[in-house]
Amino acid sequence: MNHEQKKKIFTFLQDQIANAEFRVKAYVFDENNVRRLQRNAFTKLAMYIKNFQAGKRSLRWVTMYGLRGAGKTTLLAQLYENTKIENKHRLFLSVDQVTGVFGVSLKDVLEVYEEILGSSFEQLQEPVFLFLDEVQYDEKWGVLLKTIYDRSDKVFILATGSSALSLQASTDVARRSVFEKLYPMSFTEFIKIKNQKVETKNLCEQIHNAIFKSATAKKVYKELTRLEPKIKEYWGDIDPRDSERYMRYGTLPFMIALNNEALVYDQIKKTLERVIASDIPHIAQFSADTVSKIPMVLYAIAETEQLSMSSLSKNIEMSRSVLAHILDILERTETVWRVYPHGSHMAQARKPSKYLFTSPAFRSMYFNFIGNIKVRDNYKGKLLEDTVGLYLNRLFAGKPDVAITYDGVAGGADFIVRQGNDMFVVEVGFGDKSFVQVERTMKKSGINAKYGMVVSERSLVVDEEKNIVSIPIQYFLLL
């Protein structure tokens, strides 16, 4: 960093500090200057900061990661605004902006920030808060933040970036930072932000216990019947079309403010393009020809039930090893997630995996831009499958002894969820979905399901003999 760069960064940081509250205002207040309701993750992250301000210094570095467009920057801005402290002692910084515009490292920027503070991090007398967005744009972010963490217990770090961060972080970073994953929005979060309507207290937990902690399908039915008045009351003033709007684009919070649906899909397309152009190169090095074929891979996922590696690699003229690498990278950027066929490792190797989008908005975008009759036939069903998959991931991923697979035999169920000794068979679909696929999977050798469930437009119904319950979409979306 030369003298001229240092001078520009100094001026830039002074401007950032002076005008930060104005810049984050759009994330905190709506166009009528009414404070926006926050995502559910806000409460937990704000508590980390509150505890630090109260003198509890054991947890002072949080890394928030997840799908591009899931709302990390908005949440970071809201947490910045919520942290009441002298402006100079809290810094809101987009790392991609400073590295791209000034051509310097995050280390250089924070050294200049120490000059503005009038103290090195080691000699701080007052707490300092670093709100750092898109830190992956500096390849040495982990080493730098580890160093700052070790230099002073008066610095609280809240960093955001791609999901690759959690996979690439060193052991030293992992021991110091708490990693918090931000999922795409749930339906109740969508309604909260769109309509300023809060969730019914404890209803989500009660529905969760009914669906996943009952002894039998009959018990699920009884518990959901008991909760029916609360569920109907919540839905009472909600537009019935909002459930479909949610699945089409409402899982991505930045889409809610856009009234033109064509513009919505254009923005989603640009989000995916940025994943391909900006995020993927930070994780893997592909040739220009290979990168140009990534949209073809995503489109293949959008229109197929199960992904045949042999067929796709032949169609797009790409080796299976490179295709497998691309799919792995798409998983690591949270764009898709892989659902393995149920069974032994050998069985999983023989049968194709299926890939779902982590946000159904991506599949919706592909249908609206490049839709064809193959996709149209089961479009809504696949959106619901992506949505249920998102919910299952949010509820179960990362928990010990959990596996989410699917029945790889034709006509089998969409999901088999195992948590410890409990196993649930789940089928999803629009229309008056039957119990046939769940029943078929539950009868298979090695499937000792606690009970089965069908998530669809069908009303709440139980077949006690088959031990299967039909759960209306409107109930499931409140999880």
Protein backbone atom coordinates (compact mmCIF):
# COMPACT_ATOMS: atom_id res chain seq x y z
CA MET A 1 0.00 0.00 0.00
CA ASN A 2 1.56 3.26 -1.13
CA HIS A 3 1.02 6.71 0.37
CA GLU A 4 -1.65 7.68 -2.18
CA GLN A 5 -3.64 4.50 -1.54
CA LYS A 6 -3.39 5.01 2.20
CA LYS A 7 -4.67 8.58 1.88
CA LYS A 8 -7.66 7.44 -0.22
CA ILE A 9 -8.50 4.64 2.22
CA PHE A 10 -8.30 7.07 5.15
CA THR A 11 -10.79 9.40 3.45
CA PHE A 12 -12.98 6.47 2.43
CA LEU A 13 -13.15 5.09 5.98
CA GLN A 14 -13.94 8.50 7.45
CA ASP A 15 -16.81 8.77 4.99
CA GLN A 16 -17.98 5.22 5.78
CA ILE A 17 -18.07 5.98 9.51
CA ALA A 18 -19.79 9.35 9.09
CA ASN A 19 -22.46 8.11 6.69
CA ALA A 20 -22.92 4.49 7.76
CA GLU A 21 -26.23 5.08 9.52
CA PHE A 22 -27.64 6.72 6.39
CA ARG A 23 -26.38 3.86 4.21
CA VAL A 24 -27.90 1.11 6.35
CA LYS A 25 -31.21 2.96 6.70
CA ALA A 26 -32.66 1.27 3.59
CA TYR A 27 -32.04 -2.13 5.19
CA VAL A 28 -33.62 -1.11 8.50
CA PHE A 29 -36.63 0.99 7.44
CA ASP A 30 -39.13 0.63 4.59
CA GLU A 31 -40.13 3.33 2.10
CA ASN A 32 -42.60 4.73 4.67
CA ASN A 33 -39.82 5.01 7.26
CA VAL A 34 -41.34 2.17 9.30
CA ARG A 35 -38.83 -0.16 10.93
CA ARG A 36 -38.76 -3.50 9.13
CA LEU A 37 -39.33 -6.66 11.13
CA GLN A 38 -36.18 -8.77 11.27
CA ARG A 39 -35.37 -12.34 10.28
CA ASN A 40 -35.51 -14.92 13.08
CA ALA A 41 -31.70 -15.17 13.05
CA PHE A 42 -31.47 -11.52 14.18
CA THR A 43 -32.39 -12.35 17.78
CA LYS A 44 -29.60 -14.90 18.21
CA LEU A 45 -26.93 -12.74 16.57
CA ALA A 46 -28.00 -9.64 18.50
CA MET A 47 -27.68 -11.64 21.72
CA TYR A 48 -24.05 -12.46 20.89
CA ILE A 49 -23.36 -8.72 20.61
CA LYS A 50 -25.33 -7.90 23.75
CA ASN A 51 -23.39 -10.48 25.77
CA PHE A 52 -20.10 -9.05 24.49
CA GLN A 53 -21.17 -5.54 25.52
CA ALA A 54 -22.04 -6.93 28.95
CA GLY A 55 -18.44 -8.07 29.36
CA LYS A 56 -18.75 -11.70 28.28
CA ARG A 57 -15.75 -11.94 25.98
CA SER A 58 -15.53 -15.69 25.30
CA LEU A 59 -17.58 -15.36 22.10
CA ARG A 60 -16.41 -12.43 20.00
CA TRP A 61 -16.19 -13.68 16.43
CA VAL A 62 -19.20 -14.82 14.38
CA THR A 63 -19.06 -15.83 10.72
CA MET A 64 -22.44 -15.82 8.97
CA TYR A 65 -22.58 -17.79 5.72
CA GLY A 66 -25.17 -19.06 3.27
CA LEU A 67 -26.77 -18.75 -0.13
CA ARG A 68 -26.19 -15.54 -2.08
CA GLY A 69 -29.37 -13.46 -1.80
CA ALA A 70 -30.46 -15.06 1.49
CA GLY A 71 -30.21 -11.70 3.27
CA LYS A 72 -26.80 -11.69 4.96
CA THR A 73 -26.02 -8.05 4.08
CA THR A 74 -29.44 -6.89 5.30
CA LEU A 75 -29.02 -8.74 8.57
CA LEU A 76 -25.52 -7.33 9.01
CA ALA A 77 -26.81 -3.78 8.44
CA GLN A 78 -29.65 -4.28 10.92
CA LEU A 79 -27.22 -5.57 13.55
CA TYR A 80 -24.94 -2.58 12.91
CA GLU A 81 -27.83 -0.16 13.44
CA ASN A 82 -28.94 -2.06 16.55
CA THR A 83 -25.48 -1.82 18.16
CA LYS A 84 -25.56 1.45 20.05
CA ILE A 85 -22.03 2.75 20.41
CA GLU A 86 -19.96 5.70 19.24
CA ASN A 87 -19.83 5.63 15.42
CA LYS A 88 -16.04 5.56 15.31
CA HIS A 89 -16.00 2.31 17.27
CA ARG A 90 -18.18 0.37 14.82
CA LEU A 91 -17.19 -0.19 11.21
CA PHE A 92 -19.54 -1.45 8.48
CA LEU A 93 -17.42 -2.50 5.51
CA SER A 94 -18.01 -4.31 2.20
CA VAL A 95 -14.75 -6.13 1.62
CA ASP A 96 -15.45 -6.71 -2.08
CA GLN A 97 -15.76 -2.94 -2.50
CA VAL A 98 -12.44 -2.00 -0.89
CA THR A 99 -10.43 -4.80 -2.48
CA GLY A 100 -11.98 -4.15 -5.89
CA VAL A 101 -11.88 -0.34 -5.89
CA PHE A 102 -8.62 0.31 -4.10
CA GLY A 103 -6.74 -2.86 -4.97
CA VAL A 104 -5.59 -3.33 -1.37
CA SER A 105 -6.06 -6.02 1.24
CA LEU A 106 -8.41 -6.05 4.20
CA LYS A 107 -5.27 -5.97 6.37
CA ASP A 108 -4.27 -2.62 4.83
CA VAL A 109 -7.75 -1.19 5.43
CA LEU A 110 -7.87 -2.25 9.08
CA GLU A 111 -4.39 -0.81 9.69
CA VAL A 112 -5.69 2.57 8.49
CA TYR A 113 -8.77 2.08 10.69
CA GLU A 114 -6.47 1.71 13.72
CA GLU A 115 -5.09 5.16 12.90
CA ILE A 116 -8.61 6.59 12.86
CA LEU A 117 -9.26 4.95 16.23
CA GLY A 118 -6.05 6.53 17.52
CA SER A 119 -5.02 3.21 19.01
CA SER A 120 -3.84 -0.23 18.00
CA PHE A 121 -6.28 -3.06 18.65
CA GLU A 122 -4.07 -4.25 21.53
CA GLN A 123 -4.32 -0.89 23.34
CA LEU A 124 -8.07 -0.31 22.95
CA GLN A 125 -9.81 1.10 25.99
CA GLU A 126 -13.32 0.76 24.54
CA PRO A 127 -14.96 -2.09 22.61
CA VAL A 128 -14.81 -1.99 18.79
CA PHE A 129 -17.20 -3.78 16.42
CA LEU A 130 -16.21 -4.89 12.92
CA PHE A 131 -19.15 -5.64 10.62
CA LEU A 132 -17.44 -7.10 7.55
CA ASP A 133 -19.46 -8.12 4.50
CA GLU A 134 -18.27 -10.54 1.77
CA VAL A 135 -14.94 -11.27 3.45
CA GLN A 136 -14.13 -14.08 1.00
CA TYR A 137 -13.01 -11.41 -1.47
CA ASP A 138 -9.79 -11.24 0.55
CA GLU A 139 -8.13 -14.63 0.34
CA LYS A 140 -6.33 -14.09 3.67
CA TRP A 141 -9.43 -13.05 5.59
CA GLY A 142 -9.20 -15.99 8.01
CA VAL A 143 -5.57 -15.44 9.00
CA LEU A 144 -6.13 -11.71 9.41
CA LEU A 145 -9.25 -12.01 11.59
CA LYS A 146 -7.58 -14.75 13.67
CA THR A 147 -4.70 -12.35 14.31
CA ILE A 148 -7.04 -9.53 15.37
CA TYR A 149 -8.98 -11.95 17.57
CA ASP A 150 -5.76 -12.96 19.32
CA ARG A 151 -4.47 -9.40 19.64
CA SER A 152 -7.41 -8.01 21.60
CA ASP A 153 -10.48 -9.20 23.48
CA LYS A 154 -12.09 -5.79 22.96
CA VAL A 155 -12.85 -6.40 19.27
CA PHE A 156 -16.09 -8.11 18.23
CA ILE A 157 -16.10 -9.45 14.66
CA LEU A 158 -19.20 -10.25 12.65
CA ALA A 159 -18.25 -11.39 9.14
CA THR A 160 -20.37 -12.63 6.24
CA GLY A 161 -19.51 -14.52 3.11
CA SER A 162 -20.18 -17.55 0.97
CA SER A 163 -20.75 -21.02 2.39
CA ALA A 164 -17.27 -21.98 1.20
CA LEU A 165 -15.95 -20.10 4.20
CA SER A 166 -17.04 -22.80 6.62
CA LEU A 167 -15.43 -25.47 4.46
CA GLN A 168 -12.14 -23.70 3.85
CA ALA A 169 -11.55 -22.21 7.28
CA SER A 170 -8.45 -23.45 9.06
CA THR A 171 -8.58 -25.29 12.36
CA ASP A 172 -7.39 -22.14 14.12
CA VAL A 173 -10.27 -20.13 12.65
CA ALA A 174 -12.81 -22.86 13.42
CA ARG A 175 -11.75 -22.90 17.07
CA ARG A 176 -12.21 -19.15 17.43
CA SER A 177 -15.22 -18.29 15.27
CA VAL A 178 -18.81 -19.42 15.64
CA PHE A 179 -20.25 -20.25 12.21
CA GLU A 180 -23.93 -19.39 11.74
CA LYS A 181 -25.70 -20.48 8.56
CA LEU A 182 -28.42 -18.20 7.18
CA TYR A 183 -31.00 -20.22 5.26
CA PRO A 184 -33.42 -18.80 2.70
CA MET A 185 -36.54 -17.45 4.39
CA SER A 186 -39.29 -19.58 5.86
CA PHE A 187 -42.89 -18.80 4.93
CA THR A 188 -43.57 -17.07 8.27
CA GLU A 189 -40.49 -14.88 7.74
CA PHE A 190 -41.75 -14.05 4.25
CA ILE A 191 -45.12 -12.97 5.67
CA LYS A 192 -43.41 -11.11 8.51
CA ILE A 193 -41.38 -8.98 6.13
CA LYS A 194 -44.03 -8.66 3.41
CA ASN A 195 -47.05 -7.96 5.62
CA GLN A 196 -45.43 -6.92 8.92
CA LYS A 197 -47.27 -9.85 10.52
CA VAL A 198 -45.46 -11.72 13.30
CA GLU A 199 -45.67 -15.44 13.92
CA THR A 200 -48.14 -16.91 16.42
CA LYS A 201 -46.14 -17.48 19.60
CA ASN A 202 -44.93 -21.08 20.02
CA LEU A 203 -47.01 -22.33 17.06
CA CYS A 204 -43.96 -23.31 14.99
CA GLU A 205 -42.55 -25.38 17.86
CA GLN A 206 -45.93 -27.02 18.53
CA ILE A 207 -46.33 -28.01 14.86
CA HIS A 208 -42.75 -29.32 14.79
CA ASN A 209 -43.38 -31.49 17.86
CA ALA A 210 -46.65 -32.76 16.37
CA ILE A 211 -45.11 -33.72 13.02
CA PHE A 212 -41.73 -35.06 14.09
CA LYS A 213 -42.06 -36.07 17.75
CA SER A 214 -45.30 -38.01 17.81
CA ALA A 215 -45.41 -41.78 18.36
CA THR A 216 -47.67 -42.61 15.41
CA ALA A 217 -49.39 -41.02 12.41
CA LYS A 218 -52.62 -41.10 14.43
CA LYS A 219 -50.94 -39.01 17.13
CA VAL A 220 -49.69 -36.53 14.48
CA TYR A 221 -53.28 -36.21 13.26
CA LYS A 222 -54.65 -35.64 16.77
CA GLU A 223 -52.03 -33.02 17.66
CA LEU A 224 -52.48 -31.10 14.39
CA THR A 225 -56.26 -31.24 14.83
CA ARG A 226 -55.79 -29.69 18.27
CA LEU A 227 -53.66 -26.90 16.72
CA GLU A 228 -56.09 -26.33 13.83
CA PRO A 229 -57.80 -23.24 15.34
CA LYS A 230 -54.45 -21.48 15.81
CA ILE A 231 -53.31 -22.44 12.30
CA LYS A 232 -56.52 -21.16 10.71
CA GLU A 233 -56.36 -17.96 12.75
CA TYR A 234 -52.81 -17.29 11.47
CA TRP A 235 -53.92 -17.82 7.86
CA GLY A 236 -57.10 -15.79 8.35
CA ASP A 237 -55.84 -12.50 6.89
CA ILE A 238 -53.22 -13.93 4.52
CA ASP A 239 -53.83 -14.00 0.77
CA PRO A 240 -54.08 -17.72 -0.15
CA ARG A 241 -51.91 -16.98 -3.20
CA ASP A 242 -49.03 -15.99 -0.93
CA SER A 243 -48.03 -19.63 -0.40
CA GLU A 244 -47.37 -19.99 -4.13
CA ARG A 245 -45.69 -16.58 -4.31
CA TYR A 246 -43.44 -17.71 -1.47
CA MET A 247 -42.36 -20.83 -3.35
CA ARG A 248 -41.87 -18.94 -6.62
CA TYR A 249 -39.62 -16.21 -5.23
CA GLY A 250 -40.35 -15.41 -1.56
CA THR A 251 -37.52 -17.44 -0.05
CA LEU A 252 -35.13 -14.67 -1.15
CA PRO A 253 -35.82 -11.53 0.92
CA PHE A 254 -34.55 -9.00 -1.61
CA MET A 255 -37.31 -10.11 -4.01
CA ILE A 256 -40.21 -9.06 -1.78
CA ALA A 257 -39.99 -5.34 -2.58
CA LEU A 258 -40.15 -5.95 -6.34
CA ASN A 259 -43.70 -5.72 -7.64
CA ASN A 260 -42.95 -6.78 -11.22
CA GLU A 261 -42.56 -10.57 -11.38
CA ALA A 262 -40.61 -10.39 -14.65
CA LEU A 263 -38.13 -8.12 -12.86
CA VAL A 264 -38.04 -10.60 -9.97
CA TYR A 265 -36.84 -13.41 -12.22
CA ASP A 266 -34.37 -11.13 -13.95
CA GLN A 267 -32.82 -10.34 -10.55
CA ILE A 268 -32.73 -14.02 -9.59
CA LYS A 269 -30.99 -14.76 -12.90
CA LYS A 270 -28.42 -12.05 -12.11
CA THR A 271 -27.90 -13.56 -8.65
CA LEU A 272 -27.04 -16.93 -10.20
CA GLU A 273 -24.81 -15.24 -12.76
CA ARG A 274 -22.90 -13.58 -9.93
CA VAL A 275 -22.49 -16.92 -8.18
CA ILE A 276 -20.93 -18.28 -11.37
CA ALA A 277 -18.82 -15.21 -12.18
CA SER A 278 -17.73 -14.15 -8.67
CA ASP A 279 -18.23 -16.85 -6.03
CA ILE A 280 -17.15 -19.98 -7.87
CA PRO A 281 -13.75 -18.56 -8.99
CA HIS A 282 -12.91 -18.00 -5.31
CA ILE A 283 -13.32 -21.73 -4.68
CA ALA A 284 -12.16 -23.49 -7.82
CA GLN A 285 -10.33 -22.78 -11.05
CA PHE A 286 -12.25 -23.81 -14.16
CA SER A 287 -11.50 -23.05 -17.80
CA ALA A 288 -13.65 -20.41 -19.51
CA ASP A 289 -15.28 -23.17 -21.57
CA THR A 290 -16.22 -25.11 -18.43
CA VAL A 291 -17.61 -22.00 -16.70
CA SER A 292 -19.77 -21.27 -19.75
CA LYS A 293 -21.42 -24.68 -19.31
CA ILE A 294 -22.39 -24.25 -15.65
CA PRO A 295 -25.79 -22.70 -16.59
CA MET A 296 -26.43 -25.84 -18.66
CA VAL A 297 -25.80 -27.96 -15.56
CA LEU A 298 -28.22 -25.84 -13.53
CA TYR A 299 -30.86 -26.07 -16.24
CA ALA A 300 -30.46 -29.87 -16.32
CA ILE A 301 -31.10 -29.92 -12.56
CA ALA A 302 -34.19 -27.74 -13.07
CA GLU A 303 -35.83 -30.09 -15.57
CA THR A 304 -34.87 -33.57 -14.33
CA GLU A 305 -35.96 -35.79 -11.44
CA GLN A 306 -32.65 -37.57 -11.00
CA LEU A 307 -29.37 -36.48 -12.53
CA SER A 308 -27.69 -39.00 -14.80
CA MET A 309 -24.00 -38.12 -14.73
CA SER A 310 -23.24 -40.20 -17.81
CA SER A 311 -26.04 -38.70 -19.89
CA LEU A 312 -25.40 -35.09 -18.85
CA SER A 313 -21.62 -35.27 -19.30
CA LYS A 314 -22.19 -36.63 -22.81
CA ASN A 315 -24.81 -34.01 -23.69
CA ILE A 316 -22.70 -31.04 -22.64
CA GLU A 317 -19.39 -32.61 -23.75
CA MET A 318 -17.74 -32.60 -20.36
CA SER A 319 -15.89 -35.34 -18.49
CA ARG A 320 -17.70 -36.95 -15.55
CA SER A 321 -14.92 -35.89 -13.19
CA VAL A 322 -15.25 -32.22 -14.15
CA LEU A 323 -19.05 -32.44 -13.93
CA ALA A 324 -18.78 -33.99 -10.47
CA HIS A 325 -16.45 -31.16 -9.43
CA ILE A 326 -18.93 -28.55 -10.69
CA LEU A 327 -21.77 -30.16 -8.74
CA ASP A 328 -19.62 -30.18 -5.62
CA ILE A 329 -18.84 -26.47 -6.04
CA LEU A 330 -22.52 -25.66 -6.61
CA GLU A 331 -23.24 -27.40 -3.31
CA ARG A 332 -20.53 -25.42 -1.55
CA THR A 333 -21.99 -22.14 -2.81
CA GLU A 334 -25.37 -23.27 -1.40
CA THR A 335 -26.94 -23.15 -4.88
CA VAL A 336 -28.02 -26.80 -4.86
CA TRP A 337 -27.96 -29.65 -2.38
CA ARG A 338 -27.50 -33.31 -3.07
CA VAL A 339 -29.97 -35.95 -1.90
CA TYR A 340 -28.44 -39.43 -1.95
CA PRO A 341 -30.50 -42.56 -2.62
CA HIS A 342 -31.30 -44.47 0.56
CA GLY A 343 -29.18 -47.50 1.29
CA SER A 344 -25.59 -48.63 1.74
CA HIS A 345 -22.63 -46.73 0.30
CA MET A 346 -22.49 -49.29 -2.50
CA ALA A 347 -26.18 -48.76 -3.31
CA GLN A 348 -25.68 -44.99 -3.23
CA ALA A 349 -22.79 -45.29 -5.69
CA ARG A 350 -24.89 -47.36 -8.13
CA LYS A 351 -28.01 -45.20 -8.14
CA PRO A 352 -28.21 -41.55 -9.22
CA SER A 353 -28.49 -38.78 -6.67
CA LYS A 354 -31.06 -36.08 -7.10
CA TYR A 355 -30.18 -32.41 -6.77
CA LEU A 356 -32.62 -29.89 -5.36
CA PHE A 357 -32.26 -26.12 -5.38
CA THR A 358 -31.61 -24.63 -1.96
CA SER A 359 -34.13 -21.94 -2.91
CA PRO A 360 -37.13 -22.93 -5.06
CA ALA A 361 -36.85 -19.43 -6.59
CA PHE A 362 -33.98 -20.70 -8.75
CA ARG A 363 -36.09 -23.49 -10.28
CA SER A 364 -38.94 -21.01 -10.71
CA MET A 365 -36.64 -18.64 -12.60
CA TYR A 366 -35.53 -21.39 -15.00
CA PHE A 367 -39.12 -22.40 -15.67
CA ASN A 368 -40.20 -18.84 -16.42
CA PHE A 369 -37.23 -18.07 -18.67
CA ILE A 370 -36.70 -21.39 -20.43
CA GLY A 371 -39.79 -23.39 -19.49
CA ASN A 372 -40.83 -26.30 -21.67
CA ILE A 373 -43.52 -28.94 -21.54
CA LYS A 374 -41.29 -31.39 -19.65
CA VAL A 375 -40.91 -28.92 -16.81
CA ARG A 376 -44.49 -27.63 -16.97
CA ASP A 377 -46.01 -31.03 -16.20
CA ASN A 378 -44.58 -31.23 -12.68
CA TYR A 379 -43.34 -27.67 -12.13
CA LYS A 380 -45.42 -26.90 -9.03
CA GLY A 381 -44.62 -30.28 -7.52
CA LYS A 382 -40.89 -29.72 -7.94
CA LEU A 383 -41.16 -26.25 -6.36
CA LEU A 384 -42.87 -27.83 -3.37
CA GLU A 385 -40.18 -30.53 -3.21
CA ASP A 386 -37.48 -27.83 -3.15
CA THR A 387 -39.44 -26.03 -0.42
CA VAL A 388 -39.92 -29.11 1.75
CA GLY A 389 -36.24 -29.94 1.21
CA LEU A 390 -35.33 -26.43 2.39
CA TYR A 391 -37.41 -26.93 5.53
CA LEU A 392 -35.93 -30.37 6.26
CA ASN A 393 -32.43 -28.95 5.85
CA ARG A 394 -33.18 -26.05 8.17
CA LEU A 395 -34.75 -28.33 10.78
CA PHE A 396 -32.32 -31.26 10.69
CA ALA A 397 -29.04 -30.45 8.89
CA GLY A 398 -26.04 -30.27 11.18
CA LYS A 399 -27.71 -32.22 13.95
CA PRO A 400 -25.97 -35.40 15.14
CA ASP A 401 -26.86 -38.74 13.58
CA VAL A 402 -29.12 -37.29 10.87
CA ALA A 403 -29.50 -38.43 7.26
CA ILE A 404 -31.86 -37.10 4.57
CA THR A 405 -32.10 -39.45 1.58
CA TYR A 406 -34.72 -40.51 -0.98
CA ASP A 407 -36.09 -43.80 -2.28
CA GLY A 408 -34.11 -44.40 -5.47
CA VAL A 409 -36.57 -46.98 -6.81
CA ALA A 410 -39.14 -45.70 -9.31
CA GLY A 411 -42.35 -44.76 -7.53
CA GLY A 412 -40.63 -44.36 -4.17
CA ALA A 413 -40.98 -41.51 -1.69
CA ASP A 414 -39.30 -38.11 -2.08
CA PHE A 415 -37.53 -38.09 1.30
CA ILE A 416 -36.47 -40.51 4.00
CA VAL A 417 -35.45 -38.63 7.13
CA ARG A 418 -33.51 -40.43 9.83
CA GLN A 419 -32.64 -38.82 13.15
CA GLY A 420 -31.09 -41.24 15.59
CA ASN A 421 -33.39 -44.25 15.79
CA ASP A 422 -36.37 -42.40 14.33
CA MET A 423 -37.16 -42.60 10.63
CA PHE A 424 -39.86 -40.74 8.69
CA VAL A 425 -40.94 -41.26 5.08
CA VAL A 426 -42.10 -38.08 3.31
CA GLU A 427 -43.81 -37.59 -0.06
CA VAL A 428 -44.71 -34.17 -1.45
CA GLY A 429 -46.89 -32.98 -4.31
CA PHE A 430 -49.73 -30.74 -5.39
CA GLY A 431 -53.27 -31.95 -5.89
CA ASP A 432 -54.98 -34.75 -3.98
CA LYS A 433 -51.82 -36.79 -3.42
CA SER A 434 -52.33 -40.47 -2.53
CA PHE A 435 -50.47 -42.55 0.07
CA VAL A 436 -49.20 -45.10 -2.50
CA GLN A 437 -45.57 -43.92 -2.75
CA VAL A 438 -45.11 -43.54 1.00
CA GLU A 439 -46.70 -46.95 1.62
CA ARG A 440 -44.45 -48.58 -0.99
CA THR A 441 -41.30 -47.12 0.57
CA MET A 442 -42.36 -47.98 4.14
CA LYS A 443 -42.77 -51.65 3.15
CA LYS A 444 -39.21 -51.92 1.82
CA SER A 445 -36.58 -53.95 3.64
CA GLY A 446 -34.41 -51.77 5.89
CA ILE A 447 -37.07 -49.04 6.21
CA ASN A 448 -38.35 -49.13 9.75
CA ALA A 449 -40.27 -45.88 9.65
CA LYS A 450 -41.93 -44.44 12.73
CA TYR A 451 -44.69 -43.25 10.37
CA GLY A 452 -45.14 -41.74 6.94
CA MET A 453 -46.50 -38.39 5.82
CA VAL A 454 -47.71 -36.76 2.62
CA VAL A 455 -47.38 -32.97 2.28
CA SER A 456 -49.88 -31.76 -0.32
CA GLU A 457 -53.05 -29.77 -0.95
CA ARG A 458 -55.06 -32.63 0.53
CA SER A 459 -56.83 -31.96 3.84
CA LEU A 460 -55.61 -33.32 7.17
CA VAL A 461 -56.33 -37.07 6.99
CA VAL A 462 -54.87 -40.16 8.67
CA ASP A 463 -54.84 -43.82 7.68
CA GLU A 464 -54.27 -45.52 11.02
CA GLU A 465 -53.76 -48.97 9.50
CA LYS A 466 -51.07 -47.77 7.10
CA ASN A 467 -49.66 -45.39 9.74
CA ILE A 468 -49.58 -42.49 7.25
CA VAL A 469 -50.89 -38.96 7.71
CA SER A 470 -51.68 -36.32 5.09
CA ILE A 471 -50.43 -32.86 6.14
CA PRO A 472 -51.79 -29.81 4.29
CA ILE A 473 -49.15 -27.53 2.77
CA GLN A 474 -50.50 -24.63 4.82
CA TYR A 475 -49.69 -26.52 8.05
CA PHE A 476 -46.21 -27.59 6.98
CA LEU A 477 -45.24 -24.06 5.88
CA LEU A 478 -45.66 -22.82 9.46
CA LEU A 479 -42.78 -24.98 10.72
